[in-house]
Amino acid sequence: MSLLFVAPLATVVGLSLGALGGGGAILMVPILVYLLNQPPSAATTGSLVIVGLSSLAGIASHWKSGNVRLKDGLVFGAAGVMGSLIGSRLSVLTQPEILMTAFAVLMLVVAILMFRKSRRPAAGAGKPAAGSATSPPIADSATSPRSTGRPADRAAFTKKLAIFIVTATGVGLLTGFFGVGGGFAVVPALVLALGFSMPTAVATSLVVIVINSATALAGRAATGLEIDWVVIGVFSVLAAIGSVIGSRIGQRVAPQHLSLAFSAMMVLVACYVLAMNVPLLFA
């Protein structure tokens, strides 16, 4: 199919990144493979470039709203690097059909968790949301005198730090294993495990996606980057524009609606992936 007709879909990828903090790579790889006939290796590599650059644009837009927890995002991304490398190694040892089927199951599980959370009444109405800009980032808490105060404070901090590290490593493992930017896992992890508000999780997840994308690209550079720079360049510009627009949309939509939209998107993609791969398991 002509690039002229397919390129506008890159804006949709950017919109999903800016508004929901994920879904870009999930959408981009099928576009490059099925509509532009790129081999999967080239599509996944090019997708990392597009998603990484459009996430950078989204960060700049979200920054003005104060939702980007930069230090938390950097620590989260750094903590997930080792998991990402291990996941990448495991991925090459897994049969493609099994890999994609597991990917779809993972998305369904996360979608259900996000849907259930979005249906609950907001806890602590009128109080600052956990993970909001008013609560101290865990990256700062590590050096804060409050973390060395009373035993109860130390225990609470230790528990929060353990959850942070385990979650980041797990997300990195999943990201490396499934070969995508990781927004589909980062946003639910920040919301469900760390208590971030949805807008803050969406904005901060873009920092993690940039780190994950850069790490994956660096790993692939050792064997050579197979990239169609004309296609990837056009898609990157359009996705970046979409990301800026999406971030503004996300700031005007209720967190519950964002959660529902994120869940619906993952269910649709998961069903498609299952339909494409489950029959191959029994062929």
C-alpha atoms as a PDB file:
ATOM      1  CA  MET A   1       0.000   0.000   0.000  1.00  0.00           C
ATOM      2  CA  SER A   2       1.219   3.515  -0.775  1.00  0.00           C
ATOM      3  CA  LEU A   3       3.022   5.431   1.952  1.00  0.00           C
ATOM      4  CA  LEU A   4       0.757   8.400   1.158  1.00  0.00           C
ATOM      5  CA  PHE A   5      -2.303   6.502   2.430  1.00  0.00           C
ATOM      6  CA  VAL A   6      -0.620   4.742   5.339  1.00  0.00           C
ATOM      7  CA  ALA A   7       1.387   7.643   6.801  1.00  0.00           C
ATOM      8  CA  PRO A   8      -1.606   9.362   8.498  1.00  0.00           C
ATOM      9  CA  LEU A   9      -1.939   6.270  10.697  1.00  0.00           C
ATOM     10  CA  ALA A  10       1.308   7.374  12.354  1.00  0.00           C
ATOM     11  CA  THR A  11      -0.643  10.295  13.813  1.00  0.00           C
ATOM     12  CA  VAL A  12      -2.981   7.790  15.462  1.00  0.00           C
ATOM     13  CA  VAL A  13       0.043   6.072  17.007  1.00  0.00           C
ATOM     14  CA  GLY A  14       1.220   9.425  18.352  1.00  0.00           C
ATOM     15  CA  LEU A  15      -2.241  10.197  19.722  1.00  0.00           C
ATOM     16  CA  SER A  16      -2.259   6.943  21.672  1.00  0.00           C
ATOM     17  CA  LEU A  17       1.185   7.661  23.098  1.00  0.00           C
ATOM     18  CA  GLY A  18       0.362  11.218  24.088  1.00  0.00           C
ATOM     19  CA  ALA A  19      -3.077  10.528  25.544  1.00  0.00           C
ATOM     20  CA  LEU A  20      -2.639   7.024  26.965  1.00  0.00           C
ATOM     21  CA  GLY A  21       1.128   6.653  27.371  1.00  0.00           C
ATOM     22  CA  GLY A  22       1.200   3.425  25.374  1.00  0.00           C
ATOM     23  CA  GLY A  23      -0.057   1.440  22.424  1.00  0.00           C
ATOM     24  CA  GLY A  24       2.288   3.028  19.914  1.00  0.00           C
ATOM     25  CA  ALA A  25       4.512   0.075  19.188  1.00  0.00           C
ATOM     26  CA  ILE A  26       1.558  -2.305  19.340  1.00  0.00           C
ATOM     27  CA  LEU A  27      -0.093  -0.343  16.534  1.00  0.00           C
ATOM     28  CA  MET A  28       3.031   0.604  14.591  1.00  0.00           C
ATOM     29  CA  VAL A  29       4.501  -2.851  14.006  1.00  0.00           C
ATOM     30  CA  PRO A  30       1.361  -4.255  12.300  1.00  0.00           C
ATOM     31  CA  ILE A  31       1.141  -1.105  10.156  1.00  0.00           C
ATOM     32  CA  LEU A  32       4.714  -1.498   8.922  1.00  0.00           C
ATOM     33  CA  VAL A  33       4.430  -5.265   8.417  1.00  0.00           C
ATOM     34  CA  TYR A  34       0.944  -5.693   6.964  1.00  0.00           C
ATOM     35  CA  LEU A  35       0.414  -2.382   5.152  1.00  0.00           C
ATOM     36  CA  LEU A  36       3.951  -1.513   4.008  1.00  0.00           C
ATOM     37  CA  ASN A  37       5.242  -5.091   3.670  1.00  0.00           C
ATOM     38  CA  GLN A  38       8.343  -4.569   5.802  1.00  0.00           C
ATOM     39  CA  PRO A  39       9.965  -7.655   7.328  1.00  0.00           C
ATOM     40  CA  PRO A  40       9.254  -8.000  11.064  1.00  0.00           C
ATOM     41  CA  SER A  41      12.877  -7.316  12.032  1.00  0.00           C
ATOM     42  CA  ALA A  42      12.887  -4.000  10.152  1.00  0.00           C
ATOM     43  CA  ALA A  43       9.402  -3.093  11.412  1.00  0.00           C
ATOM     44  CA  THR A  44      10.242  -3.655  15.081  1.00  0.00           C
ATOM     45  CA  THR A  45      13.485  -1.686  14.782  1.00  0.00           C
ATOM     46  CA  GLY A  46      11.839   1.200  12.933  1.00  0.00           C
ATOM     47  CA  SER A  47       8.980   1.182  15.423  1.00  0.00           C
ATOM     48  CA  LEU A  48      11.436   1.778  18.267  1.00  0.00           C
ATOM     49  CA  VAL A  49      12.712   4.907  16.510  1.00  0.00           C
ATOM     50  CA  ILE A  50       9.200   6.239  15.874  1.00  0.00           C
ATOM     51  CA  VAL A  51       7.917   5.486  19.359  1.00  0.00           C
ATOM     52  CA  GLY A  52      11.041   6.865  21.033  1.00  0.00           C
ATOM     53  CA  LEU A  53      10.960  10.178  19.145  1.00  0.00           C
ATOM     54  CA  SER A  54       7.204  10.658  19.499  1.00  0.00           C
ATOM     55  CA  SER A  55       7.486   9.910  23.230  1.00  0.00           C
ATOM     56  CA  LEU A  56      10.100  12.665  23.535  1.00  0.00           C
ATOM     57  CA  ALA A  57       7.654  15.079  21.921  1.00  0.00           C
ATOM     58  CA  GLY A  58       4.939  13.916  24.308  1.00  0.00           C
ATOM     59  CA  ILE A  59       7.189  14.492  27.335  1.00  0.00           C
ATOM     60  CA  ALA A  60       7.770  18.101  26.267  1.00  0.00           C
ATOM     61  CA  SER A  61       4.035  18.702  26.038  1.00  0.00           C
ATOM     62  CA  HIS A  62       3.185  16.951  29.336  1.00  0.00           C
ATOM     63  CA  TRP A  63       5.995  18.812  31.093  1.00  0.00           C
ATOM     64  CA  LYS A  64       4.021  22.047  31.082  1.00  0.00           C
ATOM     65  CA  SER A  65       1.219  20.410  33.062  1.00  0.00           C
ATOM     66  CA  GLY A  66       3.616  19.223  35.771  1.00  0.00           C
ATOM     67  CA  ASN A  67       2.615  15.558  35.397  1.00  0.00           C
ATOM     68  CA  VAL A  68       6.048  14.254  34.397  1.00  0.00           C
ATOM     69  CA  ARG A  69       7.829  12.607  37.339  1.00  0.00           C
ATOM     70  CA  LEU A  70      11.215  12.742  35.616  1.00  0.00           C
ATOM     71  CA  LYS A  71      13.338  11.258  38.394  1.00  0.00           C
ATOM     72  CA  ASP A  72      10.879   8.414  38.963  1.00  0.00           C
ATOM     73  CA  GLY A  73      10.780   7.756  35.211  1.00  0.00           C
ATOM     74  CA  LEU A  74      14.573   7.697  34.947  1.00  0.00           C
ATOM     75  CA  VAL A  75      14.943   5.392  37.958  1.00  0.00           C
ATOM     76  CA  PHE A  76      12.115   3.154  36.722  1.00  0.00           C
ATOM     77  CA  GLY A  77      13.706   2.909  33.276  1.00  0.00           C
ATOM     78  CA  ALA A  78      17.191   2.291  34.640  1.00  0.00           C
ATOM     79  CA  ALA A  79      15.924  -0.400  37.017  1.00  0.00           C
ATOM     80  CA  GLY A  80      14.292  -2.169  34.079  1.00  0.00           C
ATOM     81  CA  VAL A  81      17.375  -2.289  31.825  1.00  0.00           C
ATOM     82  CA  MET A  82      18.640  -5.619  33.166  1.00  0.00           C
ATOM     83  CA  GLY A  83      15.176  -7.135  32.954  1.00  0.00           C
ATOM     84  CA  SER A  84      14.904  -5.890  29.393  1.00  0.00           C
ATOM     85  CA  LEU A  85      18.187  -7.540  28.424  1.00  0.00           C
ATOM     86  CA  ILE A  86      17.141 -10.834  30.015  1.00  0.00           C
ATOM     87  CA  GLY A  87      13.736 -10.647  28.348  1.00  0.00           C
ATOM     88  CA  SER A  88      15.362 -10.030  24.967  1.00  0.00           C
ATOM     89  CA  ARG A  89      17.469 -13.149  25.396  1.00  0.00           C
ATOM     90  CA  LEU A  90      14.472 -15.272  26.370  1.00  0.00           C
ATOM     91  CA  SER A  91      12.474 -13.904  23.448  1.00  0.00           C
ATOM     92  CA  VAL A  92      14.797 -15.295  20.775  1.00  0.00           C
ATOM     93  CA  LEU A  93      14.452 -18.749  22.348  1.00  0.00           C
ATOM     94  CA  THR A  94      10.637 -18.716  22.204  1.00  0.00           C
ATOM     95  CA  GLN A  95       8.496 -19.897  19.292  1.00  0.00           C
ATOM     96  CA  PRO A  96       6.907 -16.827  17.624  1.00  0.00           C
ATOM     97  CA  GLU A  97       3.339 -18.128  17.911  1.00  0.00           C
ATOM     98  CA  ILE A  98       3.781 -18.845  21.626  1.00  0.00           C
ATOM     99  CA  LEU A  99       5.385 -15.444  22.149  1.00  0.00           C
ATOM    100  CA  MET A 100       2.537 -13.536  20.507  1.00  0.00           C
ATOM    101  CA  THR A 101      -0.156 -15.624  22.202  1.00  0.00           C
ATOM    102  CA  ALA A 102       1.432 -14.925  25.593  1.00  0.00           C
ATOM    103  CA  PHE A 103       1.593 -11.260  24.652  1.00  0.00           C
ATOM    104  CA  ALA A 104      -2.150 -11.211  23.939  1.00  0.00           C
ATOM    105  CA  VAL A 105      -2.953 -12.972  27.220  1.00  0.00           C
ATOM    106  CA  LEU A 106      -0.842 -10.435  29.102  1.00  0.00           C
ATOM    107  CA  MET A 107      -2.731  -7.547  27.502  1.00  0.00           C
ATOM    108  CA  LEU A 108      -6.078  -9.095  28.418  1.00  0.00           C
ATOM    109  CA  VAL A 109      -5.036  -9.531  32.057  1.00  0.00           C
ATOM    110  CA  VAL A 110      -3.800  -5.941  32.320  1.00  0.00           C
ATOM    111  CA  ALA A 111      -6.919  -4.646  30.557  1.00  0.00           C
ATOM    112  CA  ILE A 112      -9.153  -6.414  33.075  1.00  0.00           C
ATOM    113  CA  LEU A 113      -7.202  -4.978  36.010  1.00  0.00           C
ATOM    114  CA  MET A 114      -7.352  -1.462  34.572  1.00  0.00           C
ATOM    115  CA  PHE A 115     -11.064  -1.790  33.808  1.00  0.00           C
ATOM    116  CA  ARG A 116     -11.854  -2.927  37.361  1.00  0.00           C
ATOM    117  CA  LYS A 117      -9.867  -0.039  38.818  1.00  0.00           C
ATOM    118  CA  SER A 118     -11.598   2.499  36.559  1.00  0.00           C
ATOM    119  CA  ARG A 119     -15.017   1.302  37.768  1.00  0.00           C
ATOM    120  CA  ARG A 120     -14.222   1.859  41.458  1.00  0.00           C
ATOM    121  CA  PRO A 121     -15.059   5.180  43.110  1.00  0.00           C
ATOM    122  CA  ALA A 122     -12.029   7.395  43.498  1.00  0.00           C
ATOM    123  CA  ALA A 123     -10.456   6.722  46.867  1.00  0.00           C
ATOM    124  CA  GLY A 124      -9.732   9.620  49.118  1.00  0.00           C
ATOM    125  CA  ALA A 125     -11.726  12.203  47.215  1.00  0.00           C
ATOM    126  CA  GLY A 126     -10.348  15.667  47.752  1.00  0.00           C
ATOM    127  CA  LYS A 127      -6.896  14.376  48.734  1.00  0.00           C
ATOM    128  CA  PRO A 128      -3.787  14.545  46.547  1.00  0.00           C
ATOM    129  CA  ALA A 129      -3.552  11.419  44.435  1.00  0.00           C
ATOM    130  CA  ALA A 130      -0.680   9.088  45.132  1.00  0.00           C
ATOM    131  CA  GLY A 131       2.022   9.719  42.626  1.00  0.00           C
ATOM    132  CA  SER A 132       0.771  13.259  42.055  1.00  0.00           C
ATOM    133  CA  ALA A 133       3.123  16.181  41.751  1.00  0.00           C
ATOM    134  CA  THR A 134       2.565  17.040  45.450  1.00  0.00           C
ATOM    135  CA  SER A 135       3.891  13.734  46.820  1.00  0.00           C
ATOM    136  CA  PRO A 136       7.674  13.225  47.126  1.00  0.00           C
ATOM    137  CA  PRO A 137       9.143  11.106  44.291  1.00  0.00           C
ATOM    138  CA  ILE A 138      10.663   7.815  45.341  1.00  0.00           C
ATOM    139  CA  ALA A 139      13.879   8.907  43.633  1.00  0.00           C
ATOM    140  CA  ASP A 140      14.098  11.766  46.163  1.00  0.00           C
ATOM    141  CA  SER A 141      12.823   9.677  49.077  1.00  0.00           C
ATOM    142  CA  ALA A 142      15.902   7.461  48.840  1.00  0.00           C
ATOM    143  CA  THR A 143      18.024  10.344  50.161  1.00  0.00           C
ATOM    144  CA  SER A 144      15.375  11.982  52.312  1.00  0.00           C
ATOM    145  CA  PRO A 145      15.917  12.115  56.090  1.00  0.00           C
ATOM    146  CA  ARG A 146      12.336  10.922  56.478  1.00  0.00           C
ATOM    147  CA  SER A 147      13.371   7.502  55.109  1.00  0.00           C
ATOM    148  CA  THR A 148      15.727   7.036  58.093  1.00  0.00           C
ATOM    149  CA  GLY A 149      13.304   8.209  60.795  1.00  0.00           C
ATOM    150  CA  ARG A 150      10.909   6.079  62.756  1.00  0.00           C
ATOM    151  CA  PRO A 151      10.785   2.296  62.160  1.00  0.00           C
ATOM    152  CA  ALA A 152       7.304   2.601  60.656  1.00  0.00           C
ATOM    153  CA  ASP A 153       8.583   5.212  58.191  1.00  0.00           C
ATOM    154  CA  ARG A 154      11.584   3.072  57.280  1.00  0.00           C
ATOM    155  CA  ALA A 155       9.368   0.022  56.764  1.00  0.00           C
ATOM    156  CA  ALA A 156       6.950   1.962  54.579  1.00  0.00           C
ATOM    157  CA  PHE A 157       9.793   3.356  52.501  1.00  0.00           C
ATOM    158  CA  THR A 158      11.445  -0.068  52.159  1.00  0.00           C
ATOM    159  CA  LYS A 159       8.174  -1.583  50.983  1.00  0.00           C
ATOM    160  CA  LYS A 160       7.643   1.210  48.444  1.00  0.00           C
ATOM    161  CA  LEU A 161      11.210   0.899  47.178  1.00  0.00           C
ATOM    162  CA  ALA A 162      10.916  -2.895  46.847  1.00  0.00           C
ATOM    163  CA  ILE A 163       7.674  -2.559  44.868  1.00  0.00           C
ATOM    164  CA  PHE A 164       9.311   0.062  42.665  1.00  0.00           C
ATOM    165  CA  ILE A 165      12.361  -2.092  41.845  1.00  0.00           C
ATOM    166  CA  VAL A 166      10.443  -5.347  41.360  1.00  0.00           C
ATOM    167  CA  THR A 167       7.837  -3.649  39.181  1.00  0.00           C
ATOM    168  CA  ALA A 168      10.445  -1.847  37.067  1.00  0.00           C
ATOM    169  CA  THR A 169      12.427  -5.049  36.547  1.00  0.00           C
ATOM    170  CA  GLY A 170       9.263  -6.943  35.656  1.00  0.00           C
ATOM    171  CA  VAL A 171       8.214  -4.297  33.146  1.00  0.00           C
ATOM    172  CA  GLY A 172      11.711  -4.340  31.646  1.00  0.00           C
ATOM    173  CA  LEU A 173      11.537  -8.125  31.370  1.00  0.00           C
ATOM    174  CA  LEU A 174       8.188  -7.955  29.588  1.00  0.00           C
ATOM    175  CA  THR A 175       9.383  -5.133  27.344  1.00  0.00           C
ATOM    176  CA  GLY A 176      12.485  -7.031  26.284  1.00  0.00           C
ATOM    177  CA  PHE A 177      10.551 -10.260  25.841  1.00  0.00           C
ATOM    178  CA  PHE A 178       7.795  -8.777  23.667  1.00  0.00           C
ATOM    179  CA  GLY A 179       9.904  -6.201  21.828  1.00  0.00           C
ATOM    180  CA  VAL A 180       7.717  -3.094  22.196  1.00  0.00           C
ATOM    181  CA  GLY A 181       8.182   0.295  23.826  1.00  0.00           C
ATOM    182  CA  GLY A 182       6.508  -0.930  27.007  1.00  0.00           C
ATOM    183  CA  GLY A 183       3.784   1.677  27.552  1.00  0.00           C
ATOM    184  CA  PHE A 184       1.148  -1.059  27.687  1.00  0.00           C
ATOM    185  CA  ALA A 185       2.841  -2.388  30.821  1.00  0.00           C
ATOM    186  CA  VAL A 186       4.354   0.790  32.293  1.00  0.00           C
ATOM    187  CA  VAL A 187       1.091   2.730  32.729  1.00  0.00           C
ATOM    188  CA  PRO A 188      -0.739  -0.075  34.581  1.00  0.00           C
ATOM    189  CA  ALA A 189       2.381  -0.708  36.673  1.00  0.00           C
ATOM    190  CA  LEU A 190       2.632   2.923  37.743  1.00  0.00           C
ATOM    191  CA  VAL A 191      -1.109   3.091  38.497  1.00  0.00           C
ATOM    192  CA  LEU A 192      -1.720  -0.316  40.082  1.00  0.00           C
ATOM    193  CA  ALA A 193       1.568  -1.032  41.839  1.00  0.00           C
ATOM    194  CA  LEU A 194       2.827   2.443  42.723  1.00  0.00           C
ATOM    195  CA  GLY A 195      -0.427   4.375  43.097  1.00  0.00           C
ATOM    196  CA  PHE A 196       0.286   7.060  40.494  1.00  0.00           C
ATOM    197  CA  SER A 197      -2.684   9.038  39.219  1.00  0.00           C
ATOM    198  CA  MET A 198      -3.569   8.215  35.614  1.00  0.00           C
ATOM    199  CA  PRO A 199      -2.387  11.556  34.132  1.00  0.00           C
ATOM    200  CA  THR A 200       0.911  11.299  36.023  1.00  0.00           C
ATOM    201  CA  ALA A 201       1.379   7.658  35.006  1.00  0.00           C
ATOM    202  CA  VAL A 202       0.731   8.496  31.348  1.00  0.00           C
ATOM    203  CA  ALA A 203       3.214  11.377  31.355  1.00  0.00           C
ATOM    204  CA  THR A 204       5.910   9.526  33.313  1.00  0.00           C
ATOM    205  CA  SER A 205       5.559   6.374  31.208  1.00  0.00           C
ATOM    206  CA  LEU A 206       6.840   8.315  28.207  1.00  0.00           C
ATOM    207  CA  VAL A 207      10.179   8.777  29.991  1.00  0.00           C
ATOM    208  CA  VAL A 208      10.386   5.018  30.520  1.00  0.00           C
ATOM    209  CA  ILE A 209       9.438   4.347  26.878  1.00  0.00           C
ATOM    210  CA  VAL A 210      12.270   6.584  25.658  1.00  0.00           C
ATOM    211  CA  ILE A 211      14.760   4.684  27.832  1.00  0.00           C
ATOM    212  CA  ASN A 212      13.410   1.278  26.745  1.00  0.00           C
ATOM    213  CA  SER A 213      13.468   2.253  23.073  1.00  0.00           C
ATOM    214  CA  ALA A 214      17.019   3.618  23.277  1.00  0.00           C
ATOM    215  CA  THR A 215      18.220   0.498  25.104  1.00  0.00           C
ATOM    216  CA  ALA A 216      16.652  -1.821  22.529  1.00  0.00           C
ATOM    217  CA  LEU A 217      18.092   0.187  19.635  1.00  0.00           C
ATOM    218  CA  ALA A 218      21.561   0.108  21.190  1.00  0.00           C
ATOM    219  CA  GLY A 219      21.307  -3.666  21.514  1.00  0.00           C
ATOM    220  CA  ARG A 220      20.256  -4.061  17.879  1.00  0.00           C
ATOM    221  CA  ALA A 221      22.970  -1.707  16.632  1.00  0.00           C
ATOM    222  CA  ALA A 222      25.553  -4.389  17.337  1.00  0.00           C
ATOM    223  CA  THR A 223      24.131  -6.495  14.502  1.00  0.00           C
ATOM    224  CA  GLY A 224      23.198  -3.561  12.242  1.00  0.00           C
ATOM    225  CA  LEU A 225      20.062  -1.436  12.039  1.00  0.00           C
ATOM    226  CA  GLU A 226      17.692  -2.431   9.234  1.00  0.00           C
ATOM    227  CA  ILE A 227      15.712   0.786   8.781  1.00  0.00           C
ATOM    228  CA  ASP A 228      13.921   2.441   5.857  1.00  0.00           C
ATOM    229  CA  TRP A 229      14.776   5.997   6.886  1.00  0.00           C
ATOM    230  CA  VAL A 230      12.335   7.665   4.480  1.00  0.00           C
ATOM    231  CA  VAL A 231       9.346   5.786   5.878  1.00  0.00           C
ATOM    232  CA  ILE A 232      10.547   6.008   9.462  1.00  0.00           C
ATOM    233  CA  GLY A 233      11.318   9.717   9.122  1.00  0.00           C
ATOM    234  CA  VAL A 234       7.833  10.549   7.818  1.00  0.00           C
ATOM    235  CA  PHE A 235       6.167   8.379  10.462  1.00  0.00           C
ATOM    236  CA  SER A 236       8.299   9.881  13.247  1.00  0.00           C
ATOM    237  CA  VAL A 237       7.302  13.463  12.380  1.00  0.00           C
ATOM    238  CA  LEU A 238       3.588  12.619  12.139  1.00  0.00           C
ATOM    239  CA  ALA A 239       3.668  10.512  15.314  1.00  0.00           C
ATOM    240  CA  ALA A 240       5.408  13.333  17.195  1.00  0.00           C
ATOM    241  CA  ILE A 241       2.674  15.754  16.114  1.00  0.00           C
ATOM    242  CA  GLY A 242       0.028  13.257  17.180  1.00  0.00           C
ATOM    243  CA  SER A 243       1.763  12.785  20.532  1.00  0.00           C
ATOM    244  CA  VAL A 244       1.621  16.518  21.295  1.00  0.00           C
ATOM    245  CA  ILE A 245      -2.072  16.630  20.364  1.00  0.00           C
ATOM    246  CA  GLY A 246      -2.765  13.474  22.372  1.00  0.00           C
ATOM    247  CA  SER A 247      -1.083  14.857  25.482  1.00  0.00           C
ATOM    248  CA  ARG A 248      -3.391  17.877  25.370  1.00  0.00           C
ATOM    249  CA  ILE A 249      -6.421  15.627  24.932  1.00  0.00           C
ATOM    250  CA  GLY A 250      -5.266  13.522  27.884  1.00  0.00           C
ATOM    251  CA  GLN A 251      -5.108  16.579  30.141  1.00  0.00           C
ATOM    252  CA  ARG A 252      -8.772  17.342  29.449  1.00  0.00           C
ATOM    253  CA  VAL A 253     -10.211  13.843  29.891  1.00  0.00           C
ATOM    254  CA  ALA A 254     -11.136  12.264  33.237  1.00  0.00           C
ATOM    255  CA  PRO A 255      -8.652   9.581  34.432  1.00  0.00           C
ATOM    256  CA  GLN A 256     -11.443   6.980  34.521  1.00  0.00           C
ATOM    257  CA  HIS A 257     -12.134   7.582  30.848  1.00  0.00           C
ATOM    258  CA  LEU A 258      -8.437   7.242  30.044  1.00  0.00           C
ATOM    259  CA  SER A 259      -8.352   3.913  31.885  1.00  0.00           C
ATOM    260  CA  LEU A 260     -11.389   2.654  29.995  1.00  0.00           C
ATOM    261  CA  ALA A 261      -9.926   3.750  26.661  1.00  0.00           C
ATOM    262  CA  PHE A 262      -6.605   2.087  27.476  1.00  0.00           C
ATOM    263  CA  SER A 263      -8.388  -1.137  28.453  1.00  0.00           C
ATOM    264  CA  ALA A 264     -10.548  -1.146  25.316  1.00  0.00           C
ATOM    265  CA  MET A 265      -7.537  -0.601  23.085  1.00  0.00           C
ATOM    266  CA  MET A 266      -5.646  -3.520  24.651  1.00  0.00           C
ATOM    267  CA  VAL A 267      -8.654  -5.860  24.380  1.00  0.00           C
ATOM    268  CA  LEU A 268      -9.069  -5.100  20.672  1.00  0.00           C
ATOM    269  CA  VAL A 269      -5.389  -5.606  19.892  1.00  0.00           C
ATOM    270  CA  ALA A 270      -5.237  -8.752  22.041  1.00  0.00           C
ATOM    271  CA  CYS A 271      -8.210 -10.305  20.231  1.00  0.00           C
ATOM    272  CA  TYR A 272      -6.587  -9.591  16.878  1.00  0.00           C
ATOM    273  CA  VAL A 273      -3.264 -11.093  17.964  1.00  0.00           C
ATOM    274  CA  LEU A 274      -5.004 -14.191  19.319  1.00  0.00           C
ATOM    275  CA  ALA A 275      -6.963 -14.652  16.088  1.00  0.00           C
ATOM    276  CA  MET A 276      -3.737 -14.435  14.088  1.00  0.00           C
ATOM    277  CA  ASN A 277      -1.650 -16.775  16.219  1.00  0.00           C
ATOM    278  CA  VAL A 278      -3.796 -19.341  18.099  1.00  0.00           C
ATOM    279  CA  PRO A 279      -4.691 -21.262  14.902  1.00  0.00           C
ATOM    280  CA  LEU A 280      -0.954 -21.561  14.156  1.00  0.00           C
ATOM    281  CA  LEU A 281      -0.383 -23.302  17.495  1.00  0.00           C
ATOM    282  CA  PHE A 282      -2.608 -26.187  16.381  1.00  0.00           C
ATOM    283  CA  ALA A 283      -1.641 -26.212  12.706  1.00  0.00           C
END
